[in-house]
Amino acid sequence: MKTLGTLAAVMLLGLMGLSSAPGAEPIKLRFSHVVAPDTPKGKGAEEFRRLATLYTNGKVEVEVYPSSKLYRDLEELEALQLGAVEMVAPSLAKFGPLGAKEFELFDLPYLFSDRAALRAVTQGPIGKALLQGLESKGIRGLAFWDNGFKLMSASRPLRGPEDLAGLRMRIQPSRVLQAQMRALGVVPQVIPLPEVRQALQMEMIDGTENPPSNMLVQRLHDVQSHATISNHGYLGYAVIVNKAFWDGLPSDVRRALERAMDEATAYTNAVAEADNERALTIMRAAGQTQFHQQTAAERDAWIAALEPVYADVAARIGWDRIEAIRSAVTRATQ
């Protein structure tokens, strides 16, 4: 794995002038991500690689590096900005430290009632504006990819919000997720996902929140006796590319890659939905975790307990943005 101290030596100045003429060497596009190939994001990256080769007639060669083979969670954004890789797809919670704290809105609890509500934001004007806002940071935003809606898992049943009080729960590094857990009386713990299973085994933490597919791939159901299908939060990614690299591509190549990304996005989101359903079926059959389907009354109680989170983080995200999202969501579900 390269260190960030050497990134400046691998800037993409040479790639910027590559020709798309017949016989020219293919343009290299390195797509680095931190999850396993058999996850929705991993499958989506491979689908984009396939489609990019097809639609550019081999002018672009996408090299996919999964499972942090090139850069870890906290390195990939800097690597992208410096041009050490061309494309990454960080989880939306990772954009706050970059200075794009508005992306933290996706961590707000119970913001999206279903996928239609989510799409009204990710595929509407709000999502487009969020991606465009990254350009001042040397990044071009291309698409939002789903992982899925999250459930809560722990070492004890989680029916009402009071059941989480005092638990130590793993979260991603996010101010909103910290506020969410504090509202539930939880002690939040930021731990990289690959280390969560061991932390649970060693009883360093009591539980976590994840889409079912993450829970299965990381084998967390082996070490979590209870889970509530709360769908309280969303976990997704933004596929982003180094702006200088993207702007330097021939226009026909860029259009072909945009087509590949559009189709890979539809594919990835369909895979995420199917994988989460399959993961729940597999884990239920394994019988090591008791899964509780949240009732309407329980959902209302959780929503009420978590409402203070909105006021807590409004200064970071902006009330106007929150209200715009709620309006878009309401229109989408009417």
C-alpha atoms as a PDB file:
ATOM      1  CA  MET A   1       0.000   0.000   0.000  1.00  0.00           C
ATOM      2  CA  LYS A   2       1.336   3.395  -0.922  1.00  0.00           C
ATOM      3  CA  THR A   3       1.699   6.052   1.740  1.00  0.00           C
ATOM      4  CA  LEU A   4       0.165   9.476   1.294  1.00  0.00           C
ATOM      5  CA  GLY A   5       3.607  10.999   1.590  1.00  0.00           C
ATOM      6  CA  THR A   6       4.369   9.709  -1.915  1.00  0.00           C
ATOM      7  CA  LEU A   7       1.117  10.721  -3.585  1.00  0.00           C
ATOM      8  CA  ALA A   8       2.379  13.915  -5.163  1.00  0.00           C
ATOM      9  CA  ALA A   9       4.866  11.812  -7.161  1.00  0.00           C
ATOM     10  CA  VAL A  10       2.020  10.017  -8.915  1.00  0.00           C
ATOM     11  CA  MET A  11      -0.050  12.995 -10.029  1.00  0.00           C
ATOM     12  CA  LEU A  12      -1.907  12.380 -13.221  1.00  0.00           C
ATOM     13  CA  LEU A  13      -0.291  15.031 -15.379  1.00  0.00           C
ATOM     14  CA  GLY A  14       0.623  12.461 -17.979  1.00  0.00           C
ATOM     15  CA  LEU A  15      -2.924  11.151 -18.219  1.00  0.00           C
ATOM     16  CA  MET A  16      -4.375  14.566 -18.885  1.00  0.00           C
ATOM     17  CA  GLY A  17      -3.010  14.692 -22.402  1.00  0.00           C
ATOM     18  CA  LEU A  18      -3.737  11.114 -23.471  1.00  0.00           C
ATOM     19  CA  SER A  19      -5.243  10.836 -26.918  1.00  0.00           C
ATOM     20  CA  SER A  20      -8.275   8.729 -27.758  1.00  0.00           C
ATOM     21  CA  ALA A  21      -6.980   8.097 -31.281  1.00  0.00           C
ATOM     22  CA  PRO A  22      -6.967   4.509 -32.581  1.00  0.00           C
ATOM     23  CA  GLY A  23      -3.913   2.624 -31.415  1.00  0.00           C
ATOM     24  CA  ALA A  24      -3.322   4.893 -28.431  1.00  0.00           C
ATOM     25  CA  GLU A  25      -2.683   3.334 -25.046  1.00  0.00           C
ATOM     26  CA  PRO A  26      -5.910   2.998 -23.026  1.00  0.00           C
ATOM     27  CA  ILE A  27      -6.590   5.622 -20.409  1.00  0.00           C
ATOM     28  CA  LYS A  28      -6.102   4.122 -16.955  1.00  0.00           C
ATOM     29  CA  LEU A  29      -8.805   4.796 -14.365  1.00  0.00           C
ATOM     30  CA  ARG A  30      -8.049   3.403 -10.934  1.00  0.00           C
ATOM     31  CA  PHE A  31     -11.170   2.810  -8.842  1.00  0.00           C
ATOM     32  CA  SER A  32     -10.200   2.240  -5.215  1.00  0.00           C
ATOM     33  CA  HIS A  33     -12.657   1.238  -2.505  1.00  0.00           C
ATOM     34  CA  VAL A  34     -12.534  -0.228   0.976  1.00  0.00           C
ATOM     35  CA  VAL A  35     -15.160  -3.001   0.929  1.00  0.00           C
ATOM     36  CA  ALA A  36     -15.192  -6.607  -0.245  1.00  0.00           C
ATOM     37  CA  PRO A  37     -15.898  -7.449  -3.908  1.00  0.00           C
ATOM     38  CA  ASP A  38     -19.088  -9.329  -2.963  1.00  0.00           C
ATOM     39  CA  THR A  39     -20.785  -6.268  -1.432  1.00  0.00           C
ATOM     40  CA  PRO A  40     -23.149  -3.990  -3.399  1.00  0.00           C
ATOM     41  CA  LYS A  41     -20.398  -1.394  -3.853  1.00  0.00           C
ATOM     42  CA  GLY A  42     -17.891  -4.061  -4.841  1.00  0.00           C
ATOM     43  CA  LYS A  43     -20.274  -5.498  -7.430  1.00  0.00           C
ATOM     44  CA  GLY A  44     -21.125  -2.016  -8.676  1.00  0.00           C
ATOM     45  CA  ALA A  45     -17.458  -1.178  -9.213  1.00  0.00           C
ATOM     46  CA  GLU A  46     -17.011  -4.315 -11.293  1.00  0.00           C
ATOM     47  CA  GLU A  47     -20.118  -3.520 -13.341  1.00  0.00           C
ATOM     48  CA  PHE A  48     -18.823  -0.008 -13.999  1.00  0.00           C
ATOM     49  CA  ARG A  49     -15.491  -1.503 -15.105  1.00  0.00           C
ATOM     50  CA  ARG A  50     -17.267  -3.803 -17.558  1.00  0.00           C
ATOM     51  CA  LEU A  51     -19.515  -1.090 -18.966  1.00  0.00           C
ATOM     52  CA  ALA A  52     -16.701   1.450 -19.230  1.00  0.00           C
ATOM     53  CA  THR A  53     -14.695  -0.948 -21.398  1.00  0.00           C
ATOM     54  CA  LEU A  54     -17.760  -1.649 -23.523  1.00  0.00           C
ATOM     55  CA  TYR A  55     -18.963   1.899 -24.079  1.00  0.00           C
ATOM     56  CA  THR A  56     -15.513   3.427 -24.663  1.00  0.00           C
ATOM     57  CA  ASN A  57     -14.514   0.622 -27.054  1.00  0.00           C
ATOM     58  CA  GLY A  58     -11.529  -0.121 -24.845  1.00  0.00           C
ATOM     59  CA  LYS A  59     -10.276   3.472 -24.731  1.00  0.00           C
ATOM     60  CA  VAL A  60     -10.577   3.397 -20.932  1.00  0.00           C
ATOM     61  CA  GLU A  61      -9.207   0.620 -18.771  1.00  0.00           C
ATOM     62  CA  VAL A  62     -10.745   0.645 -15.289  1.00  0.00           C
ATOM     63  CA  GLU A  63      -8.648  -1.034 -12.618  1.00  0.00           C
ATOM     64  CA  VAL A  64     -10.691  -1.874  -9.508  1.00  0.00           C
ATOM     65  CA  TYR A  65      -8.878  -2.149  -6.171  1.00  0.00           C
ATOM     66  CA  PRO A  66     -11.267  -3.451  -3.469  1.00  0.00           C
ATOM     67  CA  SER A  67     -10.793  -4.159   0.240  1.00  0.00           C
ATOM     68  CA  SER A  68      -8.403  -1.235   0.902  1.00  0.00           C
ATOM     69  CA  LYS A  69      -5.723  -2.747  -1.353  1.00  0.00           C
ATOM     70  CA  LEU A  70      -4.519   0.759  -2.192  1.00  0.00           C
ATOM     71  CA  TYR A  71      -5.885   3.094   0.479  1.00  0.00           C
ATOM     72  CA  ARG A  72      -7.759   2.764   3.731  1.00  0.00           C
ATOM     73  CA  ASP A  73     -10.898   4.613   4.798  1.00  0.00           C
ATOM     74  CA  LEU A  74      -9.178   7.740   6.041  1.00  0.00           C
ATOM     75  CA  GLU A  75      -6.732   7.922   3.116  1.00  0.00           C
ATOM     76  CA  GLU A  76      -8.849   7.506   0.006  1.00  0.00           C
ATOM     77  CA  LEU A  77     -10.274  11.032  -0.194  1.00  0.00           C
ATOM     78  CA  GLU A  78      -6.848  12.630   0.075  1.00  0.00           C
ATOM     79  CA  ALA A  79      -5.501  10.136  -2.452  1.00  0.00           C
ATOM     80  CA  LEU A  80      -8.236  11.165  -4.876  1.00  0.00           C
ATOM     81  CA  GLN A  81      -7.612  14.886  -4.447  1.00  0.00           C
ATOM     82  CA  LEU A  82      -3.891  14.403  -5.047  1.00  0.00           C
ATOM     83  CA  GLY A  83      -4.506  12.283  -8.130  1.00  0.00           C
ATOM     84  CA  ALA A  84      -3.056   9.049  -6.762  1.00  0.00           C
ATOM     85  CA  VAL A  85      -6.311   7.373  -7.797  1.00  0.00           C
ATOM     86  CA  GLU A  86      -8.970   8.573 -10.186  1.00  0.00           C
ATOM     87  CA  MET A  87     -12.167   7.280  -8.581  1.00  0.00           C
ATOM     88  CA  VAL A  88     -13.414   6.337  -5.110  1.00  0.00           C
ATOM     89  CA  ALA A  89     -16.835   5.796  -3.555  1.00  0.00           C
ATOM     90  CA  PRO A  90     -16.702   6.788   0.137  1.00  0.00           C
ATOM     91  CA  SER A  91     -19.669   6.414   2.442  1.00  0.00           C
ATOM     92  CA  LEU A  92     -21.566   9.676   2.798  1.00  0.00           C
ATOM     93  CA  ALA A  93     -20.549   9.993   6.451  1.00  0.00           C
ATOM     94  CA  LYS A  94     -16.922  10.494   5.310  1.00  0.00           C
ATOM     95  CA  PHE A  95     -17.490  13.864   3.627  1.00  0.00           C
ATOM     96  CA  GLY A  96     -17.780  15.922   6.827  1.00  0.00           C
ATOM     97  CA  PRO A  97     -14.010  15.981   7.521  1.00  0.00           C
ATOM     98  CA  LEU A  98     -13.510  17.072   3.890  1.00  0.00           C
ATOM     99  CA  GLY A  99     -15.460  20.224   4.696  1.00  0.00           C
ATOM    100  CA  ALA A 100     -18.642  19.052   2.953  1.00  0.00           C
ATOM    101  CA  LYS A 101     -20.655  18.742   6.144  1.00  0.00           C
ATOM    102  CA  GLU A 102     -23.929  19.046   4.215  1.00  0.00           C
ATOM    103  CA  PHE A 103     -23.514  15.375   3.255  1.00  0.00           C
ATOM    104  CA  GLU A 104     -24.165  14.531   6.899  1.00  0.00           C
ATOM    105  CA  LEU A 105     -27.859  15.040   6.218  1.00  0.00           C
ATOM    106  CA  PHE A 106     -27.974  11.442   4.982  1.00  0.00           C
ATOM    107  CA  ASP A 107     -27.199  10.305   8.546  1.00  0.00           C
ATOM    108  CA  LEU A 108     -30.311  11.955  10.000  1.00  0.00           C
ATOM    109  CA  PRO A 109     -32.567   9.346  11.629  1.00  0.00           C
ATOM    110  CA  TYR A 110     -35.871   8.457   9.988  1.00  0.00           C
ATOM    111  CA  LEU A 111     -35.403  11.070   7.274  1.00  0.00           C
ATOM    112  CA  PHE A 112     -36.378   8.682   4.472  1.00  0.00           C
ATOM    113  CA  SER A 113     -39.515   6.591   4.864  1.00  0.00           C
ATOM    114  CA  ASP A 114     -38.745   4.380   1.859  1.00  0.00           C
ATOM    115  CA  ARG A 115     -36.699   4.181  -1.328  1.00  0.00           C
ATOM    116  CA  ALA A 116     -39.012   6.522  -3.227  1.00  0.00           C
ATOM    117  CA  ALA A 117     -38.346   9.212  -0.636  1.00  0.00           C
ATOM    118  CA  LEU A 118     -34.618   8.546  -0.856  1.00  0.00           C
ATOM    119  CA  ARG A 119     -34.601   8.774  -4.661  1.00  0.00           C
ATOM    120  CA  ALA A 120     -36.392  12.128  -4.507  1.00  0.00           C
ATOM    121  CA  VAL A 121     -33.206  13.448  -2.889  1.00  0.00           C
ATOM    122  CA  THR A 122     -30.360  11.443  -4.455  1.00  0.00           C
ATOM    123  CA  GLN A 123     -31.740  11.671  -7.991  1.00  0.00           C
ATOM    124  CA  GLY A 124     -33.323  15.118  -7.660  1.00  0.00           C
ATOM    125  CA  PRO A 125     -32.093  18.722  -7.513  1.00  0.00           C
ATOM    126  CA  ILE A 126     -30.841  18.394  -3.928  1.00  0.00           C
ATOM    127  CA  GLY A 127     -28.581  15.465  -4.743  1.00  0.00           C
ATOM    128  CA  LYS A 128     -27.294  17.176  -7.876  1.00  0.00           C
ATOM    129  CA  ALA A 129     -26.457  20.324  -5.903  1.00  0.00           C
ATOM    130  CA  LEU A 130     -24.614  18.296  -3.267  1.00  0.00           C
ATOM    131  CA  LEU A 131     -22.425  16.635  -5.885  1.00  0.00           C
ATOM    132  CA  GLN A 132     -21.755  19.934  -7.681  1.00  0.00           C
ATOM    133  CA  GLY A 133     -20.628  21.448  -4.395  1.00  0.00           C
ATOM    134  CA  LEU A 134     -17.607  19.149  -4.367  1.00  0.00           C
ATOM    135  CA  GLU A 135     -16.023  20.765  -7.420  1.00  0.00           C
ATOM    136  CA  SER A 136     -14.334  23.486  -5.386  1.00  0.00           C
ATOM    137  CA  LYS A 137     -12.426  20.694  -3.641  1.00  0.00           C
ATOM    138  CA  GLY A 138     -11.073  19.267  -6.883  1.00  0.00           C
ATOM    139  CA  ILE A 139     -13.720  16.530  -6.992  1.00  0.00           C
ATOM    140  CA  ARG A 140     -16.441  15.748  -9.518  1.00  0.00           C
ATOM    141  CA  GLY A 141     -19.442  13.924  -8.054  1.00  0.00           C
ATOM    142  CA  LEU A 142     -20.977  11.371 -10.412  1.00  0.00           C
ATOM    143  CA  ALA A 143     -23.626   9.352  -8.575  1.00  0.00           C
ATOM    144  CA  PHE A 144     -25.092   8.104  -5.318  1.00  0.00           C
ATOM    145  CA  TRP A 145     -24.940   4.353  -4.683  1.00  0.00           C
ATOM    146  CA  ASP A 146     -27.011   2.529  -2.088  1.00  0.00           C
ATOM    147  CA  ASN A 147     -25.867   0.140   0.555  1.00  0.00           C
ATOM    148  CA  GLY A 148     -29.216   0.101   2.319  1.00  0.00           C
ATOM    149  CA  PHE A 149     -31.313   1.025   5.311  1.00  0.00           C
ATOM    150  CA  LYS A 150     -29.855   0.126   8.682  1.00  0.00           C
ATOM    151  CA  LEU A 151     -30.955  -2.077  11.535  1.00  0.00           C
ATOM    152  CA  MET A 152     -29.781  -1.958  15.146  1.00  0.00           C
ATOM    153  CA  SER A 153     -28.100  -5.025  16.633  1.00  0.00           C
ATOM    154  CA  ALA A 154     -26.939  -5.645  20.183  1.00  0.00           C
ATOM    155  CA  SER A 155     -26.411  -8.154  22.933  1.00  0.00           C
ATOM    156  CA  ARG A 156     -29.963  -7.625  24.215  1.00  0.00           C
ATOM    157  CA  PRO A 157     -33.425  -6.983  22.724  1.00  0.00           C
ATOM    158  CA  LEU A 158     -33.991  -3.488  21.329  1.00  0.00           C
ATOM    159  CA  ARG A 159     -37.719  -2.791  21.246  1.00  0.00           C
ATOM    160  CA  GLY A 160     -38.141   0.712  22.658  1.00  0.00           C
ATOM    161  CA  PRO A 161     -35.551   3.503  22.507  1.00  0.00           C
ATOM    162  CA  GLU A 162     -34.982   3.067  26.243  1.00  0.00           C
ATOM    163  CA  ASP A 163     -33.512  -0.390  25.571  1.00  0.00           C
ATOM    164  CA  LEU A 164     -30.392   1.176  24.088  1.00  0.00           C
ATOM    165  CA  ALA A 165     -29.516   3.231  27.164  1.00  0.00           C
ATOM    166  CA  GLY A 166     -25.996   2.579  28.387  1.00  0.00           C
ATOM    167  CA  LEU A 167     -24.928   0.434  25.428  1.00  0.00           C
ATOM    168  CA  ARG A 168     -21.640   0.985  23.647  1.00  0.00           C
ATOM    169  CA  MET A 169     -22.482   1.112  19.949  1.00  0.00           C
ATOM    170  CA  ARG A 170     -20.140   1.246  16.987  1.00  0.00           C
ATOM    171  CA  ILE A 171     -20.758   4.086  14.529  1.00  0.00           C
ATOM    172  CA  GLN A 172     -19.080   5.592  11.503  1.00  0.00           C
ATOM    173  CA  PRO A 173     -17.250   8.887  12.106  1.00  0.00           C
ATOM    174  CA  SER A 174     -20.172  11.309  11.880  1.00  0.00           C
ATOM    175  CA  ARG A 175     -21.326  14.187  14.076  1.00  0.00           C
ATOM    176  CA  VAL A 176     -24.941  13.313  13.256  1.00  0.00           C
ATOM    177  CA  LEU A 177     -24.499   9.671  14.242  1.00  0.00           C
ATOM    178  CA  GLN A 178     -22.860  10.765  17.484  1.00  0.00           C
ATOM    179  CA  ALA A 179     -25.857  12.998  18.219  1.00  0.00           C
ATOM    180  CA  GLN A 180     -28.218  10.147  17.314  1.00  0.00           C
ATOM    181  CA  MET A 181     -26.590   7.781  19.757  1.00  0.00           C
ATOM    182  CA  ARG A 182     -26.390  10.357  22.523  1.00  0.00           C
ATOM    183  CA  ALA A 183     -30.134  10.991  22.135  1.00  0.00           C
ATOM    184  CA  LEU A 184     -30.676   7.280  22.799  1.00  0.00           C
ATOM    185  CA  GLY A 185     -28.394   7.263  25.846  1.00  0.00           C
ATOM    186  CA  VAL A 186     -25.755   5.302  23.957  1.00  0.00           C
ATOM    187  CA  VAL A 187     -21.968   5.606  24.234  1.00  0.00           C
ATOM    188  CA  PRO A 188     -20.859   5.909  20.568  1.00  0.00           C
ATOM    189  CA  GLN A 189     -17.625   4.222  19.498  1.00  0.00           C
ATOM    190  CA  VAL A 190     -15.965   4.954  16.148  1.00  0.00           C
ATOM    191  CA  ILE A 191     -14.404   1.727  14.873  1.00  0.00           C
ATOM    192  CA  PRO A 192     -13.505   0.697  11.291  1.00  0.00           C
ATOM    193  CA  LEU A 193     -16.001  -1.855  10.013  1.00  0.00           C
ATOM    194  CA  PRO A 194     -13.463  -4.694   9.527  1.00  0.00           C
ATOM    195  CA  GLU A 195     -12.585  -4.439  13.239  1.00  0.00           C
ATOM    196  CA  VAL A 196     -16.167  -4.492  14.547  1.00  0.00           C
ATOM    197  CA  ARG A 197     -16.566  -8.275  14.827  1.00  0.00           C
ATOM    198  CA  GLN A 198     -13.465  -8.606  16.989  1.00  0.00           C
ATOM    199  CA  ALA A 199     -14.561  -5.659  19.129  1.00  0.00           C
ATOM    200  CA  LEU A 200     -17.895  -7.401  19.721  1.00  0.00           C
ATOM    201  CA  GLN A 201     -16.178 -10.687  20.551  1.00  0.00           C
ATOM    202  CA  MET A 202     -13.907  -8.960  23.056  1.00  0.00           C
ATOM    203  CA  GLU A 203     -16.953  -7.101  24.501  1.00  0.00           C
ATOM    204  CA  MET A 204     -15.362  -3.746  23.795  1.00  0.00           C
ATOM    205  CA  ILE A 205     -18.721  -2.740  22.322  1.00  0.00           C
ATOM    206  CA  ASP A 206     -22.250  -4.068  22.729  1.00  0.00           C
ATOM    207  CA  GLY A 207     -23.745  -3.477  19.318  1.00  0.00           C
ATOM    208  CA  THR A 208     -23.797  -1.678  16.026  1.00  0.00           C
ATOM    209  CA  GLU A 209     -25.965  -0.331  13.206  1.00  0.00           C
ATOM    210  CA  ASN A 210     -25.633  -1.689   9.692  1.00  0.00           C
ATOM    211  CA  PRO A 211     -27.576  -2.687   6.617  1.00  0.00           C
ATOM    212  CA  PRO A 212     -28.224  -6.453   6.693  1.00  0.00           C
ATOM    213  CA  SER A 213     -25.744  -7.108   3.877  1.00  0.00           C
ATOM    214  CA  ASN A 214     -22.902  -5.578   5.929  1.00  0.00           C
ATOM    215  CA  MET A 215     -23.975  -7.569   8.946  1.00  0.00           C
ATOM    216  CA  LEU A 216     -23.820 -10.812   6.964  1.00  0.00           C
ATOM    217  CA  VAL A 217     -20.570 -10.135   5.072  1.00  0.00           C
ATOM    218  CA  GLN A 218     -18.813  -9.154   8.316  1.00  0.00           C
ATOM    219  CA  ARG A 219     -20.385 -12.160  10.111  1.00  0.00           C
ATOM    220  CA  LEU A 220     -21.740  -9.937  12.863  1.00  0.00           C
ATOM    221  CA  HIS A 221     -24.779 -12.190  13.257  1.00  0.00           C
ATOM    222  CA  ASP A 222     -22.406 -14.739  14.789  1.00  0.00           C
ATOM    223  CA  VAL A 223     -21.741 -12.385  17.694  1.00  0.00           C
ATOM    224  CA  GLN A 224     -25.015 -10.414  18.021  1.00  0.00           C
ATOM    225  CA  SER A 225     -27.910 -12.134  19.740  1.00  0.00           C
ATOM    226  CA  HIS A 226     -30.575  -9.541  18.905  1.00  0.00           C
ATOM    227  CA  ALA A 227     -31.420  -7.148  16.084  1.00  0.00           C
ATOM    228  CA  THR A 228     -34.299  -4.789  15.377  1.00  0.00           C
ATOM    229  CA  ILE A 229     -35.239  -4.056  11.771  1.00  0.00           C
ATOM    230  CA  SER A 230     -35.675  -0.364  12.408  1.00  0.00           C
ATOM    231  CA  ASN A 231     -34.689   1.070   9.001  1.00  0.00           C
ATOM    232  CA  HIS A 232     -33.861   4.156  11.028  1.00  0.00           C
ATOM    233  CA  GLY A 233     -30.975   5.344   8.906  1.00  0.00           C
ATOM    234  CA  TYR A 234     -29.486   5.127   5.463  1.00  0.00           C
ATOM    235  CA  LEU A 235     -26.013   4.020   4.430  1.00  0.00           C
ATOM    236  CA  GLY A 236     -24.919   5.065   0.975  1.00  0.00           C
ATOM    237  CA  TYR A 237     -21.947   6.194  -1.049  1.00  0.00           C
ATOM    238  CA  ALA A 238     -21.055   8.965  -3.464  1.00  0.00           C
ATOM    239  CA  VAL A 239     -19.033   7.894  -6.482  1.00  0.00           C
ATOM    240  CA  ILE A 240     -16.542  10.673  -7.104  1.00  0.00           C
ATOM    241  CA  VAL A 241     -13.683  11.282  -9.510  1.00  0.00           C
ATOM    242  CA  ASN A 242     -10.652  13.526  -9.584  1.00  0.00           C
ATOM    243  CA  LYS A 243     -11.928  16.660 -11.341  1.00  0.00           C
ATOM    244  CA  ALA A 244      -8.714  17.456 -13.244  1.00  0.00           C
ATOM    245  CA  PHE A 245      -8.615  13.916 -14.614  1.00  0.00           C
ATOM    246  CA  TRP A 246     -12.308  14.013 -15.584  1.00  0.00           C
ATOM    247  CA  ASP A 247     -12.129  17.423 -17.235  1.00  0.00           C
ATOM    248  CA  GLY A 248      -9.085  16.304 -19.234  1.00  0.00           C
ATOM    249  CA  LEU A 249     -10.856  13.376 -20.876  1.00  0.00           C
ATOM    250  CA  PRO A 250     -11.966  13.607 -24.500  1.00  0.00           C
ATOM    251  CA  SER A 251     -15.638  14.573 -24.585  1.00  0.00           C
ATOM    252  CA  ASP A 252     -16.725  11.329 -26.275  1.00  0.00           C
ATOM    253  CA  VAL A 253     -14.952   9.279 -23.640  1.00  0.00           C
ATOM    254  CA  ARG A 254     -16.516  11.306 -20.852  1.00  0.00           C
ATOM    255  CA  ARG A 255     -20.006  10.798 -22.310  1.00  0.00           C
ATOM    256  CA  ALA A 256     -19.391   7.066 -22.579  1.00  0.00           C
ATOM    257  CA  LEU A 257     -18.251   6.905 -18.948  1.00  0.00           C
ATOM    258  CA  GLU A 258     -21.309   8.877 -17.847  1.00  0.00           C
ATOM    259  CA  ARG A 259     -23.493   6.312 -19.589  1.00  0.00           C
ATOM    260  CA  ALA A 260     -21.570   3.501 -17.899  1.00  0.00           C
ATOM    261  CA  MET A 261     -21.989   5.202 -14.524  1.00  0.00           C
ATOM    262  CA  ASP A 262     -25.733   5.722 -14.994  1.00  0.00           C
ATOM    263  CA  GLU A 263     -26.254   2.045 -15.770  1.00  0.00           C
ATOM    264  CA  ALA A 264     -23.866   0.876 -13.047  1.00  0.00           C
ATOM    265  CA  THR A 265     -25.794   3.023 -10.554  1.00  0.00           C
ATOM    266  CA  ALA A 266     -29.124   1.410 -11.433  1.00  0.00           C
ATOM    267  CA  TYR A 267     -27.460  -1.998 -11.216  1.00  0.00           C
ATOM    268  CA  THR A 268     -25.796  -1.297  -7.848  1.00  0.00           C
ATOM    269  CA  ASN A 269     -28.966   0.011  -6.248  1.00  0.00           C
ATOM    270  CA  ALA A 270     -30.916  -3.051  -7.409  1.00  0.00           C
ATOM    271  CA  VAL A 271     -28.161  -5.313  -6.086  1.00  0.00           C
ATOM    272  CA  ALA A 272     -28.200  -3.532  -2.715  1.00  0.00           C
ATOM    273  CA  GLU A 273     -31.935  -4.089  -2.310  1.00  0.00           C
ATOM    274  CA  ALA A 274     -31.714  -7.769  -3.302  1.00  0.00           C
ATOM    275  CA  ASP A 275     -28.603  -8.413  -1.190  1.00  0.00           C
ATOM    276  CA  ASN A 276     -30.187  -6.950   1.928  1.00  0.00           C
ATOM    277  CA  GLU A 277     -33.282  -9.095   1.525  1.00  0.00           C
ATOM    278  CA  ARG A 278     -31.138 -12.169   0.925  1.00  0.00           C
ATOM    279  CA  ALA A 279     -28.914 -11.364   3.914  1.00  0.00           C
ATOM    280  CA  LEU A 280     -31.913 -11.191   6.244  1.00  0.00           C
ATOM    281  CA  THR A 281     -33.160 -14.544   4.958  1.00  0.00           C
ATOM    282  CA  ILE A 282     -29.764 -16.174   5.478  1.00  0.00           C
ATOM    283  CA  MET A 283     -29.233 -14.743   8.963  1.00  0.00           C
ATOM    284  CA  ARG A 284     -32.733 -15.650  10.106  1.00  0.00           C
ATOM    285  CA  ALA A 285     -32.172 -19.210   8.896  1.00  0.00           C
ATOM    286  CA  ALA A 286     -28.860 -19.379  10.763  1.00  0.00           C
ATOM    287  CA  GLY A 287     -30.767 -18.799  13.999  1.00  0.00           C
ATOM    288  CA  GLN A 288     -27.952 -17.085  15.890  1.00  0.00           C
ATOM    289  CA  THR A 289     -29.670 -13.688  15.982  1.00  0.00           C
ATOM    290  CA  GLN A 290     -33.271 -12.993  16.930  1.00  0.00           C
ATOM    291  CA  PHE A 291     -34.654 -10.438  14.458  1.00  0.00           C
ATOM    292  CA  HIS A 292     -37.456  -8.174  15.619  1.00  0.00           C
ATOM    293  CA  GLN A 293     -39.599  -6.288  13.094  1.00  0.00           C
ATOM    294  CA  GLN A 294     -40.271  -2.836  14.501  1.00  0.00           C
ATOM    295  CA  THR A 295     -43.982  -2.125  14.984  1.00  0.00           C
ATOM    296  CA  ALA A 296     -45.624   1.165  14.029  1.00  0.00           C
ATOM    297  CA  ALA A 297     -45.928   2.159  17.695  1.00  0.00           C
ATOM    298  CA  GLU A 298     -42.271   1.325  18.341  1.00  0.00           C
ATOM    299  CA  ARG A 299     -41.227   3.270  15.260  1.00  0.00           C
ATOM    300  CA  ASP A 300     -43.146   6.318  16.492  1.00  0.00           C
ATOM    301  CA  ALA A 301     -41.422   6.044  19.881  1.00  0.00           C
ATOM    302  CA  TRP A 302     -37.984   5.898  18.244  1.00  0.00           C
ATOM    303  CA  ILE A 303     -38.819   8.857  15.993  1.00  0.00           C
ATOM    304  CA  ALA A 304     -39.897  10.920  19.010  1.00  0.00           C
ATOM    305  CA  ALA A 305     -36.748   9.999  20.936  1.00  0.00           C
ATOM    306  CA  LEU A 306     -34.543  10.984  18.004  1.00  0.00           C
ATOM    307  CA  GLU A 307     -36.270  14.226  16.983  1.00  0.00           C
ATOM    308  CA  PRO A 308     -33.849  16.338  19.110  1.00  0.00           C
ATOM    309  CA  VAL A 309     -31.042  15.233  16.796  1.00  0.00           C
ATOM    310  CA  TYR A 310     -32.363  17.555  14.094  1.00  0.00           C
ATOM    311  CA  ALA A 311     -32.062  20.638  16.307  1.00  0.00           C
ATOM    312  CA  ASP A 312     -28.675  19.438  17.556  1.00  0.00           C
ATOM    313  CA  VAL A 313     -27.116  19.331  14.080  1.00  0.00           C
ATOM    314  CA  ALA A 314     -29.151  21.974  12.237  1.00  0.00           C
ATOM    315  CA  ALA A 315     -26.360  24.520  12.550  1.00  0.00           C
ATOM    316  CA  ARG A 316     -24.025  22.187  10.632  1.00  0.00           C
ATOM    317  CA  ILE A 317     -26.449  21.091   7.940  1.00  0.00           C
ATOM    318  CA  GLY A 318     -28.829  24.054   7.824  1.00  0.00           C
ATOM    319  CA  TRP A 319     -32.529  24.114   8.671  1.00  0.00           C
ATOM    320  CA  ASP A 320     -33.338  25.317   5.166  1.00  0.00           C
ATOM    321  CA  ARG A 321     -31.689  22.224   3.682  1.00  0.00           C
ATOM    322  CA  ILE A 322     -33.436  19.919   6.145  1.00  0.00           C
ATOM    323  CA  GLU A 323     -36.809  21.488   5.366  1.00  0.00           C
ATOM    324  CA  ALA A 324     -36.150  21.258   1.622  1.00  0.00           C
ATOM    325  CA  ILE A 325     -35.464  17.548   1.983  1.00  0.00           C
ATOM    326  CA  ARG A 326     -38.557  16.982   4.078  1.00  0.00           C
ATOM    327  CA  SER A 327     -40.626  18.766   1.430  1.00  0.00           C
ATOM    328  CA  ALA A 328     -39.101  16.655  -1.357  1.00  0.00           C
ATOM    329  CA  VAL A 329     -39.705  13.487   0.648  1.00  0.00           C
ATOM    330  CA  THR A 330     -43.308  14.448   1.360  1.00  0.00           C
ATOM    331  CA  ARG A 331     -44.014  15.089  -2.334  1.00  0.00           C
ATOM    332  CA  ALA A 332     -42.439  11.764  -3.285  1.00  0.00           C
ATOM    333  CA  THR A 333     -44.568   9.757  -0.865  1.00  0.00           C
ATOM    334  CA  GLN A 334     -47.931  11.443  -1.449  1.00  0.00           C
END
